Amino acid sequence: MYSYESYQAVFWLFFFFGLIGWYYITSKFVDIAKEKGYADRSGTIWALSLFGTGVVAALYTIALPDKAGRPTDTLLVPTEDELPSL
């Protein structure tokens, strides 16, 4: 019904678009890590995405704590020394 060449063309088409998607998603995770203050970790994220999976790179990027400056007034720490009344 279908020839071998048509299956091969579909395979390379999926491979090509998968490669483009992998590159786009990994570059977005690198951008997220840079926004968190980890510009030096871009090589680690690329290596995790290449040799691991994209899920591993995503979990690594999400688990990074924010090093970028946070305003101190948004912290939800009470400044009073007294307990609130009930």
PDB file of N, CA and C in Angstrom:
ATOM      1  N   MET A   1       0.826  -1.184   0.000  1.00  0.00           N
ATOM      2  CA  MET A   1       0.000   0.000   0.000  1.00  0.00           C
ATOM      3  C   MET A   1       0.876   1.256   0.000  1.00  0.00           C
ATOM      4  N   TYR A   2       1.742   1.391   1.017  1.00  0.00           N
ATOM      5  CA  TYR A   2       2.677   2.512   1.048  1.00  0.00           C
ATOM      6  C   TYR A   2       4.071   1.975   0.805  1.00  0.00           C
ATOM      7  N   SER A   3       4.866   2.788   0.167  1.00  0.00           N
ATOM      8  CA  SER A   3       6.225   2.340  -0.121  1.00  0.00           C
ATOM      9  C   SER A   3       7.144   2.658   1.056  1.00  0.00           C
ATOM     10  N   TYR A   4       8.302   2.060   1.019  1.00  0.00           N
ATOM     11  CA  TYR A   4       9.303   2.261   2.058  1.00  0.00           C
ATOM     12  C   TYR A   4       9.745   3.718   2.091  1.00  0.00           C
ATOM     13  N   GLU A   5       9.825   4.365   0.943  1.00  0.00           N
ATOM     14  CA  GLU A   5      10.279   5.751   0.866  1.00  0.00           C
ATOM     15  C   GLU A   5       9.307   6.706   1.561  1.00  0.00           C
ATOM     16  N   SER A   6       8.011   6.406   1.504  1.00  0.00           N
ATOM     17  CA  SER A   6       7.056   7.298   2.169  1.00  0.00           C
ATOM     18  C   SER A   6       7.167   7.172   3.685  1.00  0.00           C
ATOM     19  N   TYR A   7       7.403   5.954   4.192  1.00  0.00           N
ATOM     20  CA  TYR A   7       7.626   5.793   5.635  1.00  0.00           C
ATOM     21  C   TYR A   7       8.909   6.492   6.067  1.00  0.00           C
ATOM     22  N   GLN A   8       9.911   6.396   5.241  1.00  0.00           N
ATOM     23  CA  GLN A   8      11.181   7.042   5.557  1.00  0.00           C
ATOM     24  C   GLN A   8      11.016   8.565   5.565  1.00  0.00           C
ATOM     25  N   ALA A   9      10.245   9.103   4.641  1.00  0.00           N
ATOM     26  CA  ALA A   9      10.016  10.545   4.601  1.00  0.00           C
ATOM     27  C   ALA A   9       9.264  11.010   5.844  1.00  0.00           C
ATOM     28  N   VAL A  10       8.280  10.234   6.275  1.00  0.00           N
ATOM     29  CA  VAL A  10       7.523  10.591   7.479  1.00  0.00           C
ATOM     30  C   VAL A  10       8.436  10.526   8.702  1.00  0.00           C
ATOM     31  N   PHE A  11       9.293   9.517   8.764  1.00  0.00           N
ATOM     32  CA  PHE A  11      10.237   9.406   9.879  1.00  0.00           C
ATOM     33  C   PHE A  11      11.129  10.625   9.956  1.00  0.00           C
ATOM     34  N   TRP A  12      11.727  11.039   8.832  1.00  0.00           N
ATOM     35  CA  TRP A  12      12.629  12.186   8.839  1.00  0.00           C
ATOM     36  C   TRP A  12      11.882  13.486   9.117  1.00  0.00           C
ATOM     37  N   LEU A  13      10.642  13.547   8.703  1.00  0.00           N
ATOM     38  CA  LEU A  13       9.834  14.729   9.000  1.00  0.00           C
ATOM     39  C   LEU A  13       9.590  14.855  10.505  1.00  0.00           C
ATOM     40  N   PHE A  14       9.195  13.752  11.139  1.00  0.00           N
ATOM     41  CA  PHE A  14       9.011  13.765  12.596  1.00  0.00           C
ATOM     42  C   PHE A  14      10.325  14.028  13.318  1.00  0.00           C
ATOM     43  N   PHE A  15      11.393  13.452  12.852  1.00  0.00           N
ATOM     44  CA  PHE A  15      12.709  13.667  13.465  1.00  0.00           C
ATOM     45  C   PHE A  15      13.106  15.133  13.383  1.00  0.00           C
ATOM     46  N   PHE A  16      12.903  15.744  12.217  1.00  0.00           N
ATOM     47  CA  PHE A  16      13.273  17.141  12.020  1.00  0.00           C
ATOM     48  C   PHE A  16      12.473  18.062  12.929  1.00  0.00           C
ATOM     49  N   PHE A  17      11.148  17.879  12.977  1.00  0.00           N
ATOM     50  CA  PHE A  17      10.329  18.726  13.834  1.00  0.00           C
ATOM     51  C   PHE A  17      10.568  18.435  15.318  1.00  0.00           C
ATOM     52  N   GLY A  18      10.875  17.219  15.655  1.00  0.00           N
ATOM     53  CA  GLY A  18      11.233  16.892  17.031  1.00  0.00           C
ATOM     54  C   GLY A  18      12.518  17.566  17.459  1.00  0.00           C
ATOM     55  N   LEU A  19      13.479  17.631  16.556  1.00  0.00           N
ATOM     56  CA  LEU A  19      14.739  18.298  16.852  1.00  0.00           C
ATOM     57  C   LEU A  19      14.542  19.790  17.043  1.00  0.00           C
ATOM     58  N   ILE A  20      13.698  20.382  16.224  1.00  0.00           N
ATOM     59  CA  ILE A  20      13.396  21.808  16.372  1.00  0.00           C
ATOM     60  C   ILE A  20      12.681  22.062  17.704  1.00  0.00           C
ATOM     61  N   GLY A  21      11.736  21.198  18.056  1.00  0.00           N
ATOM     62  CA  GLY A  21      11.032  21.351  19.329  1.00  0.00           C
ATOM     63  C   GLY A  21      11.950  21.177  20.517  1.00  0.00           C
ATOM     64  N   TRP A  22      12.860  20.193  20.440  1.00  0.00           N
ATOM     65  CA  TRP A  22      13.826  19.976  21.528  1.00  0.00           C
ATOM     66  C   TRP A  22      14.696  21.213  21.718  1.00  0.00           C
ATOM     67  N   TYR A  23      15.196  21.794  20.628  1.00  0.00           N
ATOM     68  CA  TYR A  23      16.046  22.978  20.709  1.00  0.00           C
ATOM     69  C   TYR A  23      15.284  24.158  21.309  1.00  0.00           C
ATOM     70  N   TYR A  24      14.046  24.363  20.876  1.00  0.00           N
ATOM     71  CA  TYR A  24      13.243  25.481  21.357  1.00  0.00           C
ATOM     72  C   TYR A  24      12.958  25.352  22.853  1.00  0.00           C
ATOM     73  N   ILE A  25      12.547  24.181  23.286  1.00  0.00           N
ATOM     74  CA  ILE A  25      12.202  23.974  24.697  1.00  0.00           C
ATOM     75  C   ILE A  25      13.434  24.095  25.581  1.00  0.00           C
ATOM     76  N   THR A  26      14.548  23.524  25.141  1.00  0.00           N
ATOM     77  CA  THR A  26      15.770  23.619  25.942  1.00  0.00           C
ATOM     78  C   THR A  26      16.249  25.057  26.037  1.00  0.00           C
ATOM     79  N   SER A  27      16.157  25.807  24.961  1.00  0.00           N
ATOM     80  CA  SER A  27      16.570  27.210  25.026  1.00  0.00           C
ATOM     81  C   SER A  27      15.657  28.010  25.952  1.00  0.00           C
ATOM     82  N   LYS A  28      14.370  27.647  26.028  1.00  0.00           N
ATOM     83  CA  LYS A  28      13.476  28.320  26.971  1.00  0.00           C
ATOM     84  C   LYS A  28      13.866  28.017  28.416  1.00  0.00           C
ATOM     85  N   PHE A  29      14.253  26.767  28.698  1.00  0.00           N
ATOM     86  CA  PHE A  29      14.695  26.434  30.051  1.00  0.00           C
ATOM     87  C   PHE A  29      16.003  27.133  30.399  1.00  0.00           C
ATOM     88  N   VAL A  30      16.870  27.331  29.438  1.00  0.00           N
ATOM     89  CA  VAL A  30      18.097  28.094  29.677  1.00  0.00           C
ATOM     90  C   VAL A  30      17.744  29.542  30.000  1.00  0.00           C
ATOM     91  N   ASP A  31      16.778  30.110  29.287  1.00  0.00           N
ATOM     92  CA  ASP A  31      16.338  31.476  29.572  1.00  0.00           C
ATOM     93  C   ASP A  31      15.733  31.585  30.975  1.00  0.00           C
ATOM     94  N   ILE A  32      14.970  30.586  31.380  1.00  0.00           N
ATOM     95  CA  ILE A  32      14.383  30.587  32.722  1.00  0.00           C
ATOM     96  C   ILE A  32      15.476  30.535  33.778  1.00  0.00           C
ATOM     97  N   ALA A  33      16.496  29.711  33.548  1.00  0.00           N
ATOM     98  CA  ALA A  33      17.609  29.627  34.500  1.00  0.00           C
ATOM     99  C   ALA A  33      18.365  30.944  34.572  1.00  0.00           C
ATOM    100  N   LYS A  34      18.515  31.627  33.454  1.00  0.00           N
ATOM    101  CA  LYS A  34      19.181  32.935  33.465  1.00  0.00           C
ATOM    102  C   LYS A  34      18.358  33.959  34.229  1.00  0.00           C
ATOM    103  N   GLU A  35      17.033  33.898  34.097  1.00  0.00           N
ATOM    104  CA  GLU A  35      16.177  34.817  34.852  1.00  0.00           C
ATOM    105  C   GLU A  35      16.250  34.543  36.344  1.00  0.00           C
ATOM    106  N   LYS A  36      16.492  33.294  36.718  1.00  0.00           N
ATOM    107  CA  LYS A  36      16.623  32.954  38.132  1.00  0.00           C
ATOM    108  C   LYS A  36      17.995  33.332  38.685  1.00  0.00           C
ATOM    109  N   GLY A  37      18.921  33.726  37.811  1.00  0.00           N
ATOM    110  CA  GLY A  37      20.243  34.143  38.256  1.00  0.00           C
ATOM    111  C   GLY A  37      21.318  33.098  38.039  1.00  0.00           C
ATOM    112  N   TYR A  38      21.071  32.110  37.224  1.00  0.00           N
ATOM    113  CA  TYR A  38      22.031  31.042  36.974  1.00  0.00           C
ATOM    114  C   TYR A  38      22.472  31.057  35.517  1.00  0.00           C
ATOM    115  N   ALA A  39      23.142  32.120  35.100  1.00  0.00           N
ATOM    116  CA  ALA A  39      23.621  32.213  33.723  1.00  0.00           C
ATOM    117  C   ALA A  39      24.752  31.223  33.457  1.00  0.00           C
ATOM    118  N   ASP A  40      25.442  30.808  34.499  1.00  0.00           N
ATOM    119  CA  ASP A  40      26.561  29.880  34.336  1.00  0.00           C
ATOM    120  C   ASP A  40      26.117  28.426  34.210  1.00  0.00           C
ATOM    121  N   ARG A  41      24.848  28.135  34.381  1.00  0.00           N
ATOM    122  CA  ARG A  41      24.357  26.754  34.330  1.00  0.00           C
ATOM    123  C   ARG A  41      23.766  26.363  32.978  1.00  0.00           C
ATOM    124  N   SER A  42      23.945  27.180  31.964  1.00  0.00           N
ATOM    125  CA  SER A  42      23.328  26.875  30.673  1.00  0.00           C
ATOM    126  C   SER A  42      23.911  25.610  30.051  1.00  0.00           C
ATOM    127  N   GLY A  43      25.199  25.394  30.206  1.00  0.00           N
ATOM    128  CA  GLY A  43      25.819  24.180  29.678  1.00  0.00           C
ATOM    129  C   GLY A  43      25.304  22.928  30.358  1.00  0.00           C
ATOM    130  N   THR A  44      25.052  23.024  31.650  1.00  0.00           N
ATOM    131  CA  THR A  44      24.507  21.883  32.392  1.00  0.00           C
ATOM    132  C   THR A  44      23.111  21.538  31.896  1.00  0.00           C
ATOM    133  N   ILE A  45      22.307  22.544  31.646  1.00  0.00           N
ATOM    134  CA  ILE A  45      20.945  22.301  31.174  1.00  0.00           C
ATOM    135  C   ILE A  45      20.964  21.695  29.779  1.00  0.00           C
ATOM    136  N   TRP A  46      21.847  22.188  28.902  1.00  0.00           N
ATOM    137  CA  TRP A  46      21.950  21.610  27.562  1.00  0.00           C
ATOM    138  C   TRP A  46      22.408  20.156  27.637  1.00  0.00           C
ATOM    139  N   ALA A  47      23.373  19.862  28.513  1.00  0.00           N
ATOM    140  CA  ALA A  47      23.866  18.483  28.637  1.00  0.00           C
ATOM    141  C   ALA A  47      22.784  17.562  29.200  1.00  0.00           C
ATOM    142  N   LEU A  48      22.045  18.031  30.202  1.00  0.00           N
ATOM    143  CA  LEU A  48      20.966  17.213  30.752  1.00  0.00           C
ATOM    144  C   LEU A  48      19.888  16.952  29.706  1.00  0.00           C
ATOM    145  N   SER A  49      19.610  17.944  28.902  1.00  0.00           N
ATOM    146  CA  SER A  49      18.588  17.767  27.875  1.00  0.00           C
ATOM    147  C   SER A  49      19.074  16.857  26.748  1.00  0.00           C
ATOM    148  N   LEU A  50      20.362  16.904  26.459  1.00  0.00           N
ATOM    149  CA  LEU A  50      20.899  16.086  25.376  1.00  0.00           C
ATOM    150  C   LEU A  50      21.083  14.637  25.790  1.00  0.00           C
ATOM    151  N   PHE A  51      21.723  14.408  26.942  1.00  0.00           N
ATOM    152  CA  PHE A  51      22.043  13.051  27.366  1.00  0.00           C
ATOM    153  C   PHE A  51      20.962  12.426  28.241  1.00  0.00           C
ATOM    154  N   GLY A  52      20.175  13.256  28.890  1.00  0.00           N
ATOM    155  CA  GLY A  52      19.044  12.754  29.660  1.00  0.00           C
ATOM    156  C   GLY A  52      17.806  12.887  28.809  1.00  0.00           C
ATOM    157  N   THR A  53      16.819  13.490  29.363  1.00  0.00           N
ATOM    158  CA  THR A  53      15.624  13.828  28.585  1.00  0.00           C
ATOM    159  C   THR A  53      15.266  15.271  28.879  1.00  0.00           C
ATOM    160  N   GLY A  54      14.309  15.779  28.144  1.00  0.00           N
ATOM    161  CA  GLY A  54      13.843  17.135  28.395  1.00  0.00           C
ATOM    162  C   GLY A  54      13.186  17.274  29.748  1.00  0.00           C
ATOM    163  N   VAL A  55      12.606  16.177  30.241  1.00  0.00           N
ATOM    164  CA  VAL A  55      11.960  16.203  31.556  1.00  0.00           C
ATOM    165  C   VAL A  55      13.000  16.413  32.649  1.00  0.00           C
ATOM    166  N   VAL A  56      14.163  15.786  32.515  1.00  0.00           N
ATOM    167  CA  VAL A  56      15.226  15.949  33.511  1.00  0.00           C
ATOM    168  C   VAL A  56      15.712  17.388  33.522  1.00  0.00           C
ATOM    169  N   ALA A  57      15.902  17.972  32.350  1.00  0.00           N
ATOM    170  CA  ALA A  57      16.324  19.374  32.276  1.00  0.00           C
ATOM    171  C   ALA A  57      15.263  20.303  32.848  1.00  0.00           C
ATOM    172  N   ALA A  58      13.995  19.975  32.608  1.00  0.00           N
ATOM    173  CA  ALA A  58      12.908  20.800  33.149  1.00  0.00           C
ATOM    174  C   ALA A  58      12.879  20.734  34.668  1.00  0.00           C
ATOM    175  N   LEU A  59      12.988  19.542  35.221  1.00  0.00           N
ATOM    176  CA  LEU A  59      12.981  19.403  36.677  1.00  0.00           C
ATOM    177  C   LEU A  59      14.186  20.083  37.308  1.00  0.00           C
ATOM    178  N   TYR A  60      15.329  19.991  36.671  1.00  0.00           N
ATOM    179  CA  TYR A  60      16.534  20.659  37.180  1.00  0.00           C
ATOM    180  C   TYR A  60      16.344  22.171  37.190  1.00  0.00           C
ATOM    181  N   THR A  61      15.786  22.711  36.115  1.00  0.00           N
ATOM    182  CA  THR A  61      15.589  24.157  36.027  1.00  0.00           C
ATOM    183  C   THR A  61      14.546  24.633  37.028  1.00  0.00           C
ATOM    184  N   ILE A  62      13.484  23.882  37.172  1.00  0.00           N
ATOM    185  CA  ILE A  62      12.426  24.278  38.101  1.00  0.00           C
ATOM    186  C   ILE A  62      12.917  24.213  39.543  1.00  0.00           C
ATOM    187  N   ALA A  63      13.801  23.268  39.857  1.00  0.00           N
ATOM    188  CA  ALA A  63      14.278  23.100  41.233  1.00  0.00           C
ATOM    189  C   ALA A  63      15.315  24.138  41.632  1.00  0.00           C
ATOM    190  N   LEU A  64      15.850  24.897  40.706  1.00  0.00           N
ATOM    191  CA  LEU A  64      16.831  25.918  41.057  1.00  0.00           C
ATOM    192  C   LEU A  64      16.158  27.030  41.858  1.00  0.00           C
ATOM    193  N   PRO A  65      16.723  27.388  43.009  1.00  0.00           N
ATOM    194  CA  PRO A  65      16.146  28.509  43.766  1.00  0.00           C
ATOM    195  C   PRO A  65      16.495  29.834  43.091  1.00  0.00           C
ATOM    196  N   ASP A  66      15.705  30.845  43.367  1.00  0.00           N
ATOM    197  CA  ASP A  66      15.950  32.160  42.780  1.00  0.00           C
ATOM    198  C   ASP A  66      17.148  32.818  43.441  1.00  0.00           C
ATOM    199  N   LYS A  67      18.156  33.166  42.627  1.00  0.00           N
ATOM    200  CA  LYS A  67      19.279  33.944  43.119  1.00  0.00           C
ATOM    201  C   LYS A  67      19.135  35.403  42.744  1.00  0.00           C
ATOM    202  N   ALA A  68      18.247  35.683  41.824  1.00  0.00           N
ATOM    203  CA  ALA A  68      18.032  37.062  41.403  1.00  0.00           C
ATOM    204  C   ALA A  68      17.485  37.855  42.580  1.00  0.00           C
ATOM    205  N   GLY A  69      17.786  39.125  42.607  1.00  0.00           N
ATOM    206  CA  GLY A  69      17.382  39.949  43.730  1.00  0.00           C
ATOM    207  C   GLY A  69      15.882  40.007  43.917  1.00  0.00           C
ATOM    208  N   ARG A  70      15.461  39.733  45.119  1.00  0.00           N
ATOM    209  CA  ARG A  70      14.041  39.825  45.473  1.00  0.00           C
ATOM    210  C   ARG A  70      13.851  41.011  46.396  1.00  0.00           C
ATOM    211  N   PRO A  71      12.772  41.733  46.227  1.00  0.00           N
ATOM    212  CA  PRO A  71      12.508  42.816  47.183  1.00  0.00           C
ATOM    213  C   PRO A  71      12.175  42.238  48.558  1.00  0.00           C
ATOM    214  N   THR A  72      12.712  42.859  49.587  1.00  0.00           N
ATOM    215  CA  THR A  72      12.515  42.332  50.931  1.00  0.00           C
ATOM    216  C   THR A  72      11.154  42.681  51.505  1.00  0.00           C
ATOM    217  N   ASP A  73      10.471  43.657  50.938  1.00  0.00           N
ATOM    218  CA  ASP A  73       9.183  44.037  51.500  1.00  0.00           C
ATOM    219  C   ASP A  73       8.071  43.060  51.135  1.00  0.00           C
ATOM    220  N   THR A  74       8.302  42.163  50.216  1.00  0.00           N
ATOM    221  CA  THR A  74       7.264  41.207  49.832  1.00  0.00           C
ATOM    222  C   THR A  74       7.334  39.920  50.649  1.00  0.00           C
ATOM    223  N   LEU A  75       8.304  39.840  51.542  1.00  0.00           N
ATOM    224  CA  LEU A  75       8.410  38.634  52.366  1.00  0.00           C
ATOM    225  C   LEU A  75       7.264  38.589  53.374  1.00  0.00           C
ATOM    226  N   LEU A  76       6.745  37.426  53.601  1.00  0.00           N
ATOM    227  CA  LEU A  76       5.611  37.279  54.509  1.00  0.00           C
ATOM    228  C   LEU A  76       6.058  36.937  55.927  1.00  0.00           C
ATOM    229  N   VAL A  77       7.092  37.576  56.376  1.00  0.00           N
ATOM    230  CA  VAL A  77       7.610  37.353  57.718  1.00  0.00           C
ATOM    231  C   VAL A  77       7.119  38.486  58.605  1.00  0.00           C
ATOM    232  N   PRO A  78       6.455  38.145  59.705  1.00  0.00           N
ATOM    233  CA  PRO A  78       5.981  39.225  60.584  1.00  0.00           C
ATOM    234  C   PRO A  78       7.160  39.931  61.248  1.00  0.00           C
ATOM    235  N   THR A  79       7.077  41.235  61.326  1.00  0.00           N
ATOM    236  CA  THR A  79       8.153  42.010  61.938  1.00  0.00           C
ATOM    237  C   THR A  79       7.883  42.303  63.405  1.00  0.00           C
ATOM    238  N   GLU A  80       6.692  41.993  63.867  1.00  0.00           N
ATOM    239  CA  GLU A  80       6.355  42.251  65.270  1.00  0.00           C
ATOM    240  C   GLU A  80       6.897  41.116  66.135  1.00  0.00           C
ATOM    241  N   ASP A  81       7.183  41.449  67.373  1.00  0.00           N
ATOM    242  CA  ASP A  81       7.657  40.440  68.313  1.00  0.00           C
ATOM    243  C   ASP A  81       6.510  39.863  69.127  1.00  0.00           C
ATOM    244  N   GLU A  82       5.328  40.426  69.003  1.00  0.00           N
ATOM    245  CA  GLU A  82       4.188  39.962  69.775  1.00  0.00           C
ATOM    246  C   GLU A  82       3.357  38.955  68.971  1.00  0.00           C
ATOM    247  N   LEU A  83       2.676  38.105  69.681  1.00  0.00           N
ATOM    248  CA  LEU A  83       1.774  37.177  69.027  1.00  0.00           C
ATOM    249  C   LEU A  83       0.476  37.898  68.680  1.00  0.00           C
ATOM    250  N   PRO A  84      -0.177  37.519  67.614  1.00  0.00           N
ATOM    251  CA  PRO A  84      -1.440  38.184  67.287  1.00  0.00           C
ATOM    252  C   PRO A  84      -2.531  37.787  68.283  1.00  0.00           C
ATOM    253  N   SER A  85      -3.467  38.674  68.487  1.00  0.00           N
ATOM    254  CA  SER A  85      -4.559  38.380  69.425  1.00  0.00           C
ATOM    255  C   SER A  85      -5.550  37.419  68.770  1.00  0.00           C
ATOM    256  N   LEU A  86      -6.136  36.590  69.603  1.00  0.00           N
ATOM    257  CA  LEU A  86      -7.095  35.612  69.101  1.00  0.00           C
ATOM    258  C   LEU A  86      -8.504  36.078  69.260  1.00  0.00           C
TER     259      LEU A  86
END
